[in-house]
């Protein structure tokens, strides 16, 4: 099939490569800056150096454009601009990590313009080029059927699913990422317990061991094994962890649905804690323990001056 991909970051560019390598699709690749487009052309795609050119180069009907740009206003503006240039029945796909309620709203907005919309939760990261992408797709069911050949190429076997109406794809991806937060936190806590223990444990060897038939084996644990092999003590890694939004949204939806998502919520708050060089909350606890129990209070390090 014929498809346009707009947004050639790490995932978008690799999606273009995977589609092109199959030999089954005509791919037009566009990006705000020109260098990634040049690379996509070298990889076998047709280049589009503006959004207008991308739309013009799609000759089929319906046109299909898949955006891989940051969630929020960037996605909003890209969809609106493409919508103004497309024809009735054309298909727009948002493959970013958009909030599912935004996707519901956008589907309604685009429907009013005569366009069809799919929200495609996309998981696979930098490994997706070789292993394939897990695709969770919501929105117009007929549009889904039309783009299924591309989904089949991008995903591994059984790696894509129509999850329901507008927003369903991004909803499932949101929960997927919330679960990911909790899994990462669990592994992190387990390895820290071992790292702090009385035993001189080889964490690379332990992670390799756990991947051999253990009930906690996983791809994430394989990545931990890779990380410990490169840097046994993670000395080159700063313990600062961002969150990209999906964990927060998952916790908010858990509150809305009265679901006790204790572990996911705790993993989100742990990420917040990672960004504090010297937590004021911990200062309060230390001070109170000193007041009521006479527990020793460590002097503030000059490394973390008072604000």
Protein backbone atom coordinates (compact mmCIF):
# COMPACT_ATOMS: atom_id res chain seq x y z
CA UNK A 1 0.00 0.00 0.00
CA UNK A 2 0.93 3.68 -0.16
CA UNK A 3 1.55 5.52 3.11
CA UNK A 4 3.08 8.75 4.32
CA UNK A 5 5.06 8.88 7.57
CA UNK A 6 5.55 12.30 9.12
CA UNK A 7 8.01 12.62 12.01
CA UNK A 8 11.33 10.86 11.55
CA UNK A 9 12.65 10.55 15.07
CA UNK A 10 14.12 7.27 16.24
CA UNK A 11 10.86 5.35 15.97
CA UNK A 12 9.42 7.11 12.93
CA UNK A 13 12.60 6.69 10.90
CA UNK A 14 12.85 3.00 11.77
CA UNK A 15 9.19 2.47 10.86
CA UNK A 16 9.97 3.92 7.44
CA UNK A 17 12.93 1.55 7.09
CA UNK A 18 10.87 -1.49 8.09
CA UNK A 19 8.11 -0.62 5.62
CA UNK A 20 10.60 0.03 2.81
CA UNK A 21 12.60 -3.15 3.47
CA UNK A 22 9.49 -5.28 3.03
CA UNK A 23 9.26 -4.19 -0.61
CA UNK A 24 5.47 -4.19 -0.27
CA UNK A 25 4.75 -0.49 0.25
CA UNK A 26 5.38 2.89 -1.31
CA UNK A 27 6.50 5.14 1.54
CA UNK A 28 6.68 8.93 1.48
CA UNK A 29 8.68 10.24 4.44
CA UNK A 30 8.46 13.76 5.82
CA UNK A 31 9.90 15.70 8.72
CA UNK A 32 10.15 19.29 9.92
CA UNK A 33 13.95 19.32 9.40
CA UNK A 34 15.53 18.07 6.19
CA UNK A 35 18.37 15.82 7.37
CA UNK A 36 16.13 12.90 8.46
CA UNK A 37 14.30 13.15 5.14
CA UNK A 38 17.62 12.88 3.29
CA UNK A 39 18.38 9.73 5.27
CA UNK A 40 14.94 8.27 4.56
CA UNK A 41 15.55 8.81 0.83
CA UNK A 42 18.86 6.94 1.14
CA UNK A 43 16.93 4.14 2.87
CA UNK A 44 14.59 3.85 -0.12
CA UNK A 45 11.64 6.09 0.75
CA UNK A 46 10.43 9.06 -1.26
CA UNK A 47 11.24 12.30 0.49
CA UNK A 48 8.86 15.15 1.31
CA UNK A 49 10.44 18.34 2.59
CA UNK A 50 7.19 19.97 3.66
CA UNK A 51 3.80 18.81 4.86
CA UNK A 52 2.29 20.09 1.61
CA UNK A 53 4.74 18.04 -0.45
CA UNK A 54 3.96 14.92 1.57
CA UNK A 55 0.24 15.26 0.81
CA UNK A 56 0.90 16.02 -2.86
CA UNK A 57 3.13 12.95 -3.31
CA UNK A 58 0.45 10.59 -2.03
CA UNK A 59 -1.37 9.73 -5.23
CA UNK A 60 -3.65 6.96 -3.99
CA UNK A 61 -7.15 7.22 -2.64
CA UNK A 62 -7.67 7.29 0.23
CA UNK A 63 -4.47 8.98 1.27
CA UNK A 64 -2.96 7.60 4.47
CA UNK A 65 -0.69 9.72 6.70
CA UNK A 66 0.81 8.38 9.92
CA UNK A 67 2.23 11.02 12.29
CA UNK A 68 5.01 10.17 14.73
CA UNK A 69 5.50 13.47 16.53
CA UNK A 70 5.48 14.46 20.23
CA UNK A 71 2.14 14.28 22.03
CA UNK A 72 0.30 17.48 22.83
CA UNK A 73 0.19 20.65 20.77
CA UNK A 74 2.71 19.37 18.20
CA UNK A 75 0.41 16.47 17.35
CA UNK A 76 -2.66 18.72 17.41
CA UNK A 77 -1.19 21.21 14.97
CA UNK A 78 0.15 18.52 12.64
CA UNK A 79 -3.23 16.79 12.43
CA UNK A 80 -5.06 20.06 11.85
CA UNK A 81 -2.69 21.15 9.11
CA UNK A 82 -2.86 17.80 7.32
CA UNK A 83 -6.64 17.77 7.67
CA UNK A 84 -6.89 21.08 5.83
CA UNK A 85 -5.03 19.59 2.85
CA UNK A 86 -6.72 16.18 2.65
CA UNK A 87 -9.88 14.94 0.98
CA UNK A 88 -13.00 13.29 2.31
CA UNK A 89 -12.36 9.67 3.27
CA UNK A 90 -8.62 10.12 3.73
CA UNK A 91 -7.04 8.55 6.82
CA UNK A 92 -4.92 10.17 9.53
CA UNK A 93 -3.09 8.02 12.09
CA UNK A 94 -1.55 9.30 15.31
CA UNK A 95 1.17 6.88 16.39
CA UNK A 96 2.47 9.01 19.26
CA UNK A 97 1.74 8.72 22.96
CA UNK A 98 -1.30 10.98 22.97
CA UNK A 99 -3.77 11.09 25.84
CA UNK A 100 -6.70 8.90 24.82
CA UNK A 101 -9.29 11.59 25.64
CA UNK A 102 -7.49 13.91 23.19
CA UNK A 103 -7.75 11.14 20.60
CA UNK A 104 -11.51 10.84 21.15
CA UNK A 105 -11.87 14.59 20.63
CA UNK A 106 -9.65 14.58 17.56
CA UNK A 107 -11.56 11.70 16.00
CA UNK A 108 -14.79 13.71 16.32
CA UNK A 109 -13.14 16.85 14.98
CA UNK A 110 -11.70 15.03 11.94
CA UNK A 111 -14.97 13.19 11.32
CA UNK A 112 -16.66 16.57 10.95
CA UNK A 113 -14.14 17.30 8.19
CA UNK A 114 -14.97 14.02 6.46
CA UNK A 115 -11.69 12.35 7.48
CA UNK A 116 -11.11 9.03 9.22
CA UNK A 117 -8.83 8.79 12.25
CA UNK A 118 -6.90 5.99 13.93
CA UNK A 119 -5.06 6.25 17.24
CA UNK A 120 -2.20 3.76 17.14
CA UNK A 121 -0.42 3.05 20.39
CA UNK A 122 3.07 2.02 19.25
CA UNK A 123 5.52 0.09 21.40
CA UNK A 124 8.92 -1.26 20.45
CA UNK A 125 11.38 1.60 20.84
CA UNK A 126 14.67 1.41 19.00
CA UNK A 127 14.34 -2.39 18.75
CA UNK A 128 11.21 -2.18 16.61
CA UNK A 129 13.14 -2.04 13.34
CA UNK A 130 14.37 -5.61 13.72
CA UNK A 131 11.81 -7.13 16.10
CA UNK A 132 8.68 -5.29 14.98
CA UNK A 133 6.30 -2.94 16.77
CA UNK A 134 3.43 -3.86 19.04
CA UNK A 135 0.49 -1.85 17.67
CA UNK A 136 -2.70 -1.09 19.60
CA UNK A 137 -5.13 0.58 17.21
CA UNK A 138 -8.42 2.32 17.90
CA UNK A 139 -10.76 4.35 15.74
CA UNK A 140 -12.59 3.90 12.45
CA UNK A 141 -12.88 0.16 11.77
CA UNK A 142 -12.98 0.53 7.98
CA UNK A 143 -9.84 2.67 8.08
CA UNK A 144 -8.19 -0.03 10.17
CA UNK A 145 -8.96 -2.64 7.52
CA UNK A 146 -7.53 -0.39 4.83
CA UNK A 147 -4.20 0.17 6.62
CA UNK A 148 -3.87 -3.43 7.89
CA UNK A 149 -1.23 -4.35 5.28
CA UNK A 150 1.09 -1.71 6.75
CA UNK A 151 0.30 -2.82 10.30
CA UNK A 152 1.13 -6.40 9.37
CA UNK A 153 4.52 -5.30 8.03
CA UNK A 154 5.35 -3.13 11.02
CA UNK A 155 4.37 -5.68 13.67
CA UNK A 156 5.74 -9.13 14.51
CA UNK A 157 3.37 -12.08 14.17
CA UNK A 158 0.19 -11.42 16.20
CA UNK A 159 1.67 -8.04 17.11
CA UNK A 160 -1.20 -5.73 16.13
CA UNK A 161 -4.80 -5.50 17.32
CA UNK A 162 -7.90 -3.44 16.67
CA UNK A 163 -8.87 -2.48 20.22
CA UNK A 164 -12.13 -0.60 19.58
CA UNK A 165 -13.49 2.86 18.89
CA UNK A 166 -11.76 6.21 19.00
CA UNK A 167 -9.21 6.47 21.78
CA UNK A 168 -9.08 2.74 22.50
CA UNK A 169 -5.61 2.30 21.02
CA UNK A 170 -4.07 5.09 23.03
CA UNK A 171 -5.98 3.95 26.13
CA UNK A 172 -4.49 0.45 25.92
CA UNK A 173 -1.03 1.93 25.25
CA UNK A 174 -1.44 4.23 28.27
CA UNK A 175 -2.16 1.29 30.56
CA UNK A 176 0.68 -0.66 28.90
CA UNK A 177 3.08 2.11 29.89
CA UNK A 178 1.67 2.29 33.41
CA UNK A 179 2.36 -1.44 33.79
CA UNK A 180 5.84 -0.83 32.37
CA UNK A 181 6.48 1.77 35.10
CA UNK A 182 5.63 -0.77 37.79
CA UNK A 183 7.71 -3.55 36.22
CA UNK A 184 10.75 -1.29 35.93
CA UNK A 185 10.36 -0.17 39.54
CA UNK A 186 10.11 -3.75 40.77
CA UNK A 187 13.29 -4.80 38.97
CA UNK A 188 15.04 -1.63 40.18
CA UNK A 189 14.16 -2.26 43.82
CA UNK A 190 15.21 -5.91 43.63
CA UNK A 191 18.59 -5.08 42.14
CA UNK A 192 19.19 -2.35 44.71
CA UNK A 193 18.46 -4.78 47.55
CA UNK A 194 21.06 -7.13 46.09
CA UNK A 195 23.53 -4.32 45.42
CA UNK A 196 23.28 -3.15 49.05
CA UNK A 197 23.52 -6.64 50.54
CA UNK A 198 26.41 -8.26 52.40
CA UNK A 199 27.15 -10.36 49.31
CA UNK A 200 29.41 -9.34 46.45
CA UNK A 201 26.85 -10.24 43.81
CA UNK A 202 27.49 -10.08 40.09
CA UNK A 203 24.27 -8.42 38.95
CA UNK A 204 24.99 -9.17 35.32
CA UNK A 205 25.28 -12.86 36.16
CA UNK A 206 22.12 -12.74 38.28
CA UNK A 207 20.08 -11.05 35.56
CA UNK A 208 21.36 -13.61 33.04
CA UNK A 209 20.43 -16.40 35.43
CA UNK A 210 16.92 -15.07 35.98
CA UNK A 211 16.38 -15.05 32.22
CA UNK A 212 16.90 -18.83 32.08
CA UNK A 213 13.46 -20.24 32.85
CA UNK A 214 12.68 -18.03 35.87
CA UNK A 215 9.13 -16.77 36.35
CA UNK A 216 10.46 -13.17 36.30
CA UNK A 217 12.26 -13.54 32.97
CA UNK A 218 11.33 -10.87 30.43
CA UNK A 219 12.61 -8.65 27.66
CA UNK A 220 13.10 -5.87 30.22
CA UNK A 221 15.30 -8.23 32.23
CA UNK A 222 17.27 -9.01 29.08
CA UNK A 223 17.85 -5.27 28.72
CA UNK A 224 18.98 -5.13 32.36
CA UNK A 225 21.43 -7.92 31.57
CA UNK A 226 22.76 -5.84 28.66
CA UNK A 227 23.08 -2.74 30.85
CA UNK A 228 24.99 -4.56 33.62
CA UNK A 229 27.30 -6.12 31.04
CA UNK A 230 28.23 -2.66 29.75
CA UNK A 231 28.53 -1.00 33.18
CA UNK A 232 28.47 -3.45 36.11
CA UNK A 233 27.87 -0.80 38.77
CA UNK A 234 25.90 1.60 36.55
CA UNK A 235 28.52 4.18 37.53
CA UNK A 236 27.96 6.14 34.33
CA UNK A 237 24.20 6.41 34.91
CA UNK A 238 22.58 9.19 36.92
CA UNK A 239 19.58 8.06 38.97
CA UNK A 240 17.21 10.58 37.39
CA UNK A 241 14.10 9.21 35.67
CA UNK A 242 11.63 11.25 33.63
CA UNK A 243 8.03 10.31 32.95
CA UNK A 244 6.43 10.97 29.60
CA UNK A 245 2.83 11.30 30.79
CA UNK A 246 1.30 7.86 30.37
CA UNK A 247 2.01 6.83 33.97
CA UNK A 248 0.26 9.94 35.27
CA UNK A 249 -2.72 9.36 32.98
CA UNK A 250 -2.97 5.72 34.06
CA UNK A 251 -3.08 6.74 37.72
CA UNK A 252 -5.69 9.40 36.95
CA UNK A 253 -7.88 6.85 35.19
CA UNK A 254 -7.44 4.45 38.09
CA UNK A 255 -8.77 7.20 40.36
CA UNK A 256 -11.67 7.88 37.98
CA UNK A 257 -12.58 4.17 37.96
CA UNK A 258 -11.85 3.61 41.68
CA UNK A 259 -9.23 0.99 40.84
CA UNK A 260 -6.58 0.52 43.57
CA UNK A 261 -3.51 0.82 41.31
CA UNK A 262 -1.11 0.90 44.24
CA UNK A 263 1.98 -0.39 42.46
CA UNK A 264 1.67 1.78 39.37
CA UNK A 265 1.06 4.88 41.49
CA UNK A 266 4.05 4.10 43.71
CA UNK A 267 6.29 3.61 40.67
CA UNK A 268 5.23 7.01 39.32
CA UNK A 269 5.99 8.72 42.63
CA UNK A 270 9.37 6.96 42.76
CA UNK A 271 10.24 8.69 39.49
CA UNK A 272 9.39 12.02 41.05
CA UNK A 273 11.67 11.18 43.97
CA UNK A 274 14.52 10.39 41.59
CA UNK A 275 14.63 14.04 40.54
CA UNK A 276 15.22 15.41 44.02
CA UNK A 277 18.84 15.74 45.01
CA UNK A 278 17.78 16.35 48.59
CA UNK A 279 14.07 15.82 49.23
CA UNK A 280 12.48 18.37 51.54
CA UNK A 281 9.95 15.74 52.59
CA UNK A 282 12.81 13.51 53.74
CA UNK A 283 14.28 16.51 55.59
CA UNK A 284 10.98 16.88 57.47
CA UNK A 285 10.94 13.18 58.39
CA UNK A 286 14.56 13.30 59.58
CA UNK A 287 13.88 16.42 61.63
CA UNK A 288 10.77 14.93 63.26
CA UNK A 289 12.57 11.70 64.09
CA UNK A 290 15.21 13.81 65.74
CA UNK A 291 12.60 15.73 67.73
CA UNK A 292 10.48 12.87 69.04
CA UNK A 293 13.06 10.12 69.27
CA UNK A 294 16.40 11.79 69.54
CA UNK A 295 17.53 10.04 66.37
CA UNK A 296 20.74 11.35 64.86
CA UNK A 297 20.35 13.90 62.09
CA UNK A 298 22.94 13.97 59.34
CA UNK A 299 24.23 17.40 58.44
CA UNK A 300 23.21 18.67 55.02
CA UNK A 301 25.90 18.00 52.43
CA UNK A 302 27.55 20.98 50.79
CA UNK A 303 26.83 19.13 47.53
CA UNK A 304 23.15 19.97 47.93
CA UNK A 305 22.94 23.56 49.23
CA UNK A 306 19.72 24.82 50.77
CA UNK A 307 17.42 26.58 48.30
